Amino acid sequence: MPSTVWFWNLRAKIHAPYAVRMKRLLKAAKVNEHLRPGDLVALKIHFGEAGTTGYLRPIWLAPVVEFLAKAGARPFFTYASTLYVGERGEAVSHALCAARHGFDPLALNAPVLIADGLRGEHQVAIPVKGKRIKQAYIAGAVAEADALVSVNHVKAHELAGFGGALKNVGMGSASKQGKMHQHVTTGPKLERAKCKGCGLCVTVCAPGALALAPDGLIELEAGTCRGCGACFLACRNGALVIDWKTDMQEFQERMMEYAKAVLATKKRPSLHLNFVVDVVPDCDCIGFTDAPICPDIGVLARR
């Protein structure tokens, strides 16, 4: 059965500025009918990697927070740590990146919580009856939230084609292990020549798949690896890197099954807000923002 999608074309006027129009859109989508007083609501959003400028402007989201709070909810902005080692690979740097991009809890009246914990280890395993996935690893704060609102910057993506609600929910709500589960089908790839023998990766490898060989360099027992991705963050020398082996179709199938798993954690309908603005050629993870490939279109809401 087709879903109803509400659309606002971004037109505004003096007596109906942005905030008024956004609240009308949320009211039309009957968002407040599915909220309970005291609900902890995850606003799933991409804060943008350092260097990007195309991520959603925080000021656009203030009316969304205000609308949810008026309904008695307690919203928080969230994203899980990235699989790759960058500005958002662990919670401290990720939260600082969000703050530098304007996600100020006092200005927006909603805090920033990195959903999968300090180093990406806080996750909930969700059973999935899928073609590719039997168990999904969802970031703890997303899985445990009472309700979910995905706030999505629609843009092109090198693997997904376009990134919107499904990618933001499926990939962005996955823990570090869940992201690895979608992107790759094996454990890390070793670059032994770069290993310095420090052993930091060994200390964070819970299943014991990593060890220092007699020559003092790292070795991997692939059959023991569970794909948690903790070693990427621990290695400071680039000796453990992502082995990008999943083809595009398999990646998209895995991501869709993860999105289904995330939504299955909610007993009530989730809201998806798609901002079709600043539609750029690359993901907001890239570290730069190119010129948009089309004019701004508007905002779409769906439950």
Protein backbone atom coordinates (compact mmCIF):
# COMPACT_ATOMS: atom_id res chain seq x y z
CA MET A 1 0.00 0.00 0.00
CA PRO A 2 1.54 3.37 -1.02
CA SER A 3 2.47 5.73 1.79
CA THR A 4 1.29 9.32 2.03
CA VAL A 5 4.11 11.83 1.59
CA TRP A 6 3.69 15.47 2.59
CA PHE A 7 5.66 18.06 0.62
CA TRP A 8 6.68 21.67 1.18
CA ASN A 9 8.34 23.49 -1.71
CA LEU A 10 10.27 25.90 0.57
CA ARG A 11 8.09 28.87 -0.33
CA ALA A 12 7.59 31.26 2.60
CA LYS A 13 6.35 34.79 3.29
CA ILE A 14 6.39 37.36 6.05
CA HIS A 15 3.42 35.89 7.94
CA ALA A 16 4.48 32.30 7.29
CA PRO A 17 8.28 32.12 7.55
CA TYR A 18 10.35 28.96 7.62
CA ALA A 19 9.56 27.92 11.21
CA VAL A 20 5.81 28.28 10.71
CA ARG A 21 5.85 26.34 7.46
CA MET A 22 7.97 23.54 8.93
CA LYS A 23 5.60 23.12 11.87
CA ARG A 24 2.65 23.02 9.48
CA LEU A 25 4.38 20.20 7.61
CA LEU A 26 4.93 18.25 10.83
CA LYS A 27 1.34 18.86 11.91
CA ALA A 28 0.06 17.63 8.54
CA ALA A 29 2.10 14.46 8.99
CA LYS A 30 0.40 14.02 12.40
CA VAL A 31 3.72 13.46 14.10
CA ASN A 32 2.43 14.35 17.56
CA GLU A 33 -0.22 11.61 17.40
CA HIS A 34 2.52 8.99 17.78
CA LEU A 35 4.40 10.63 20.64
CA ARG A 36 3.99 10.15 24.39
CA PRO A 37 5.00 12.59 27.13
CA GLY A 38 8.58 11.89 28.15
CA ASP A 39 9.47 9.98 24.96
CA LEU A 40 13.20 10.07 24.21
CA VAL A 41 13.23 10.81 20.49
CA ALA A 42 16.32 10.15 18.37
CA LEU A 43 16.77 12.78 15.66
CA LYS A 44 18.99 10.76 13.33
CA ILE A 45 21.11 13.18 11.35
CA HIS A 46 24.48 13.47 9.60
CA PHE A 47 26.62 16.14 11.29
CA GLY A 48 28.99 16.35 8.31
CA GLU A 49 32.64 15.38 8.20
CA ALA A 50 35.19 18.14 8.82
CA GLY A 51 35.62 20.15 5.62
CA THR A 52 32.07 19.73 4.32
CA THR A 53 29.66 22.64 4.09
CA GLY A 54 26.58 20.99 2.59
CA TYR A 55 25.20 19.28 5.71
CA LEU A 56 21.80 20.42 6.97
CA ARG A 57 21.94 23.76 8.74
CA PRO A 58 21.14 23.43 12.45
CA ILE A 59 18.84 26.47 12.36
CA TRP A 60 16.56 24.54 9.98
CA LEU A 61 16.04 21.91 12.66
CA ALA A 62 15.14 24.20 15.57
CA PRO A 63 11.40 24.18 14.65
CA VAL A 64 11.47 20.37 14.53
CA VAL A 65 12.91 20.20 18.04
CA GLU A 66 10.39 22.79 19.27
CA PHE A 67 7.48 20.85 17.74
CA LEU A 68 8.58 17.59 19.37
CA ALA A 69 9.19 19.25 22.72
CA LYS A 70 5.74 20.86 22.66
CA ALA A 71 4.29 17.37 22.24
CA GLY A 72 6.08 16.38 25.47
CA ALA A 73 8.99 14.53 23.87
CA ARG A 74 12.68 14.89 24.69
CA PRO A 75 14.55 14.94 21.39
CA PHE A 76 18.29 14.45 20.92
CA PHE A 77 20.50 14.60 17.83
CA THR A 78 22.44 11.44 17.10
CA TYR A 79 24.68 9.57 14.69
CA ALA A 80 26.86 6.50 15.16
CA SER A 81 30.64 6.47 14.78
CA THR A 82 32.11 5.98 11.33
CA LEU A 83 33.83 2.81 10.21
CA TYR A 84 36.72 4.70 8.65
CA VAL A 85 39.18 6.55 10.88
CA GLY A 86 38.43 10.24 10.58
CA GLU A 87 36.94 13.18 12.45
CA ARG A 88 33.93 11.08 13.53
CA GLY A 89 35.53 7.71 14.29
CA GLU A 90 34.97 7.99 18.04
CA ALA A 91 32.54 9.88 20.23
CA VAL A 92 34.74 12.71 21.53
CA SER A 93 35.95 13.92 18.13
CA HIS A 94 32.50 13.27 16.63
CA ALA A 95 30.74 15.43 19.25
CA LEU A 96 33.29 18.22 18.77
CA CYS A 97 32.76 18.07 15.01
CA ALA A 98 29.00 18.40 15.54
CA ALA A 99 29.56 21.38 17.85
CA ARG A 100 31.84 23.11 15.33
CA HIS A 101 29.10 22.64 12.70
CA GLY A 102 26.60 24.47 14.88
CA PHE A 103 24.80 21.68 16.75
CA ASP A 104 24.77 23.53 20.05
CA PRO A 105 22.50 21.91 22.69
CA LEU A 106 21.74 25.27 24.31
CA ALA A 107 20.83 26.93 21.01
CA LEU A 108 18.77 24.02 19.67
CA ASN A 109 17.41 22.73 23.01
CA ALA A 110 18.52 19.20 22.15
CA PRO A 111 21.81 17.51 23.06
CA VAL A 112 24.11 15.56 20.77
CA LEU A 113 24.53 11.90 21.77
CA ILE A 114 26.83 9.65 19.76
CA ALA A 115 24.65 6.59 19.44
CA ASP A 116 27.14 3.73 19.72
CA GLY A 117 29.22 4.87 22.66
CA LEU A 118 32.76 6.08 23.15
CA ARG A 119 34.48 3.86 20.58
CA GLY A 120 31.54 2.36 18.73
CA GLU A 121 31.02 -0.55 21.10
CA HIS A 122 27.49 0.22 22.39
CA GLN A 123 25.15 -1.77 20.15
CA VAL A 124 22.02 -3.91 20.17
CA ALA A 125 21.80 -7.09 18.07
CA ILE A 126 18.49 -7.29 16.18
CA PRO A 127 17.41 -10.53 14.43
CA VAL A 128 16.67 -10.07 10.72
CA LYS A 129 15.02 -12.46 8.29
CA GLY A 130 16.77 -11.14 5.23
CA LYS A 131 18.53 -12.30 2.12
CA ARG A 132 21.90 -11.02 3.33
CA ILE A 133 21.50 -10.27 7.02
CA LYS A 134 20.49 -12.60 9.86
CA GLN A 135 21.48 -10.28 12.69
CA ALA A 136 21.95 -6.51 12.55
CA TYR A 137 24.12 -4.50 14.94
CA ILE A 138 22.30 -1.26 15.71
CA ALA A 139 23.76 1.66 17.65
CA GLY A 140 22.47 1.49 21.20
CA ALA A 141 20.96 4.97 21.56
CA VAL A 142 19.00 4.58 18.32
CA ALA A 143 17.72 1.11 19.22
CA GLU A 144 16.81 2.15 22.77
CA ALA A 145 15.11 5.45 21.90
CA ASP A 146 11.32 5.52 22.27
CA ALA A 147 10.85 7.06 18.83
CA LEU A 148 12.87 7.86 15.73
CA VAL A 149 12.88 10.86 13.40
CA SER A 150 15.31 10.57 10.52
CA VAL A 151 16.41 13.99 9.30
CA ASN A 152 17.95 13.39 5.90
CA HIS A 153 20.06 15.48 3.56
CA VAL A 154 19.31 14.07 0.12
CA LYS A 155 22.40 13.96 -2.11
CA ALA A 156 24.23 11.65 -4.48
CA HIS A 157 26.37 8.79 -3.15
CA GLU A 158 29.13 6.75 -4.74
CA LEU A 159 27.69 3.39 -3.67
CA ALA A 160 24.02 3.98 -2.88
CA GLY A 161 23.33 6.17 -5.92
CA PHE A 162 21.48 8.65 -3.75
CA GLY A 163 21.52 9.02 0.01
CA GLY A 164 18.30 9.83 1.83
CA ALA A 165 16.16 8.26 4.54
CA LEU A 166 17.09 4.65 3.87
CA LYS A 167 20.82 5.29 3.92
CA ASN A 168 20.64 7.60 6.93
CA VAL A 169 18.64 5.00 8.86
CA GLY A 170 20.32 1.83 7.61
CA MET A 171 23.96 2.87 7.52
CA GLY A 172 23.98 5.83 9.89
CA SER A 173 22.17 3.97 12.68
CA ALA A 174 24.47 0.95 12.54
CA SER A 175 27.26 0.55 15.06
CA LYS A 176 30.86 0.31 13.85
CA GLN A 177 30.42 -3.46 13.56
CA GLY A 178 27.12 -2.94 11.74
CA LYS A 179 28.74 -0.59 9.22
CA MET A 180 31.46 -3.15 8.57
CA HIS A 181 28.75 -5.79 8.22
CA GLN A 182 27.20 -3.77 5.37
CA HIS A 183 30.34 -2.61 3.60
CA VAL A 184 32.50 -5.73 3.69
CA THR A 185 32.15 -9.48 3.94
CA THR A 186 35.53 -10.13 5.55
CA GLY A 187 37.66 -8.76 8.36
CA PRO A 188 40.31 -6.02 8.02
CA LYS A 189 42.97 -6.03 5.35
CA LEU A 190 46.54 -6.14 6.64
CA GLU A 191 49.23 -3.74 5.45
CA ARG A 192 52.02 -5.44 7.42
CA ALA A 193 54.76 -3.19 6.08
CA LYS A 194 53.14 -0.28 7.95
CA CYS A 195 52.89 -2.16 11.26
CA LYS A 196 55.14 -0.83 14.05
CA GLY A 197 54.45 -3.72 16.41
CA CYS A 198 52.85 -1.51 19.07
CA GLY A 199 50.13 -4.07 19.82
CA LEU A 200 47.34 -1.53 20.40
CA CYS A 201 45.06 -3.36 17.97
CA VAL A 202 45.60 -6.60 19.88
CA THR A 203 44.36 -5.01 23.11
CA VAL A 204 41.03 -3.97 21.56
CA CYS A 205 40.38 -7.19 19.63
CA ALA A 206 37.76 -8.88 21.82
CA PRO A 207 37.65 -12.24 19.97
CA GLY A 208 41.45 -12.51 19.87
CA ALA A 209 41.73 -12.51 16.09
CA LEU A 210 44.81 -10.27 16.10
CA ALA A 211 48.23 -11.14 17.51
CA LEU A 212 51.85 -10.15 17.06
CA ALA A 213 53.78 -12.71 15.04
CA PRO A 214 57.32 -13.80 15.97
CA ASP A 215 58.68 -11.11 13.65
CA GLY A 216 56.91 -8.50 15.79
CA LEU A 217 54.31 -7.56 13.16
CA ILE A 218 50.58 -8.05 13.21
CA GLU A 219 48.81 -11.17 11.99
CA LEU A 220 45.11 -11.97 11.64
CA GLU A 221 43.15 -15.17 12.25
CA ALA A 222 40.36 -14.42 9.80
CA GLY A 223 38.06 -17.17 11.06
CA THR A 224 38.05 -15.65 14.54
CA CYS A 225 37.39 -12.05 13.45
CA ARG A 226 33.81 -10.91 14.12
CA GLY A 227 34.11 -7.67 12.14
CA CYS A 228 33.65 -5.17 14.96
CA GLY A 229 36.00 -2.60 13.39
CA ALA A 230 37.65 -1.61 16.69
CA CYS A 231 41.11 -2.25 15.27
CA PHE A 232 40.74 0.48 12.63
CA LEU A 233 40.47 3.12 15.33
CA ALA A 234 43.26 1.60 17.44
CA CYS A 235 45.85 1.39 14.65
CA ARG A 236 47.67 4.72 14.23
CA ASN A 237 49.89 3.56 11.37
CA GLY A 238 47.48 2.38 8.68
CA ALA A 239 48.41 -1.29 9.04
CA LEU A 240 44.75 -2.33 9.37
CA VAL A 241 42.49 -0.96 6.66
CA ILE A 242 38.98 -1.57 5.37
CA ASP A 243 38.77 -4.33 2.78
CA TRP A 244 36.08 -2.94 0.46
CA LYS A 245 34.91 -6.19 -1.10
CA THR A 246 31.13 -5.91 -1.17
CA ASP A 247 29.78 -5.11 -4.64
CA MET A 248 27.26 -2.30 -5.12
CA GLN A 249 24.13 -4.45 -5.31
CA GLU A 250 25.05 -6.51 -2.26
CA PHE A 251 25.91 -3.34 -0.33
CA GLN A 252 22.50 -1.83 -1.11
CA GLU A 253 20.68 -5.03 -0.16
CA ARG A 254 22.53 -5.18 3.16
CA MET A 255 21.80 -1.53 3.83
CA MET A 256 18.07 -1.97 3.16
CA GLU A 257 17.91 -4.94 5.53
CA TYR A 258 19.66 -2.85 8.17
CA ALA A 259 17.13 -0.05 7.68
CA LYS A 260 14.36 -2.59 8.24
CA ALA A 261 16.07 -3.78 11.43
CA VAL A 262 16.35 -0.23 12.77
CA LEU A 263 12.66 0.50 12.17
CA ALA A 264 11.75 -2.81 13.80
CA THR A 265 13.05 -1.47 17.12
CA LYS A 266 10.15 1.02 17.22
CA LYS A 267 6.62 0.07 18.23
CA ARG A 268 5.18 3.24 16.71
CA PRO A 269 5.66 4.77 13.25
CA SER A 270 8.89 6.66 12.64
CA LEU A 271 9.01 10.02 10.87
CA HIS A 272 11.31 10.65 7.91
CA LEU A 273 12.11 14.21 6.85
CA ASN A 274 13.93 14.44 3.51
CA PHE A 275 15.52 17.79 2.75
CA VAL A 276 16.02 17.88 -1.03
CA VAL A 277 18.30 20.91 -0.85
CA ASP A 278 21.98 21.37 -1.67
CA VAL A 279 21.85 18.11 -3.64
CA VAL A 280 25.59 17.62 -4.10
CA PRO A 281 27.46 14.85 -5.98
CA ASP A 282 28.97 13.20 -2.88
CA CYS A 283 28.15 12.09 0.64
CA ASP A 284 28.68 14.50 3.54
CA CYS A 285 31.40 12.09 4.72
CA ILE A 286 33.77 13.05 1.90
CA GLY A 287 35.46 16.02 3.60
CA PHE A 288 34.54 18.64 0.99
CA THR A 289 31.35 19.85 -0.68
CA ASP A 290 31.03 20.32 -4.44
CA ALA A 291 28.44 22.50 -6.17
CA PRO A 292 24.82 21.22 -6.17
CA ILE A 293 23.71 19.23 -9.20
CA CYS A 294 20.16 20.61 -9.24
CA PRO A 295 18.10 23.47 -7.75
CA ASP A 296 16.62 23.10 -4.27
CA ILE A 297 13.29 21.26 -4.41
CA GLY A 298 11.80 21.17 -0.91
CA VAL A 299 11.14 19.04 2.15
CA LEU A 300 9.23 15.76 2.18
CA ALA A 301 7.73 14.15 5.29
CA ARG A 302 6.58 10.57 5.65
CA ARG A 303 5.57 8.33 8.54
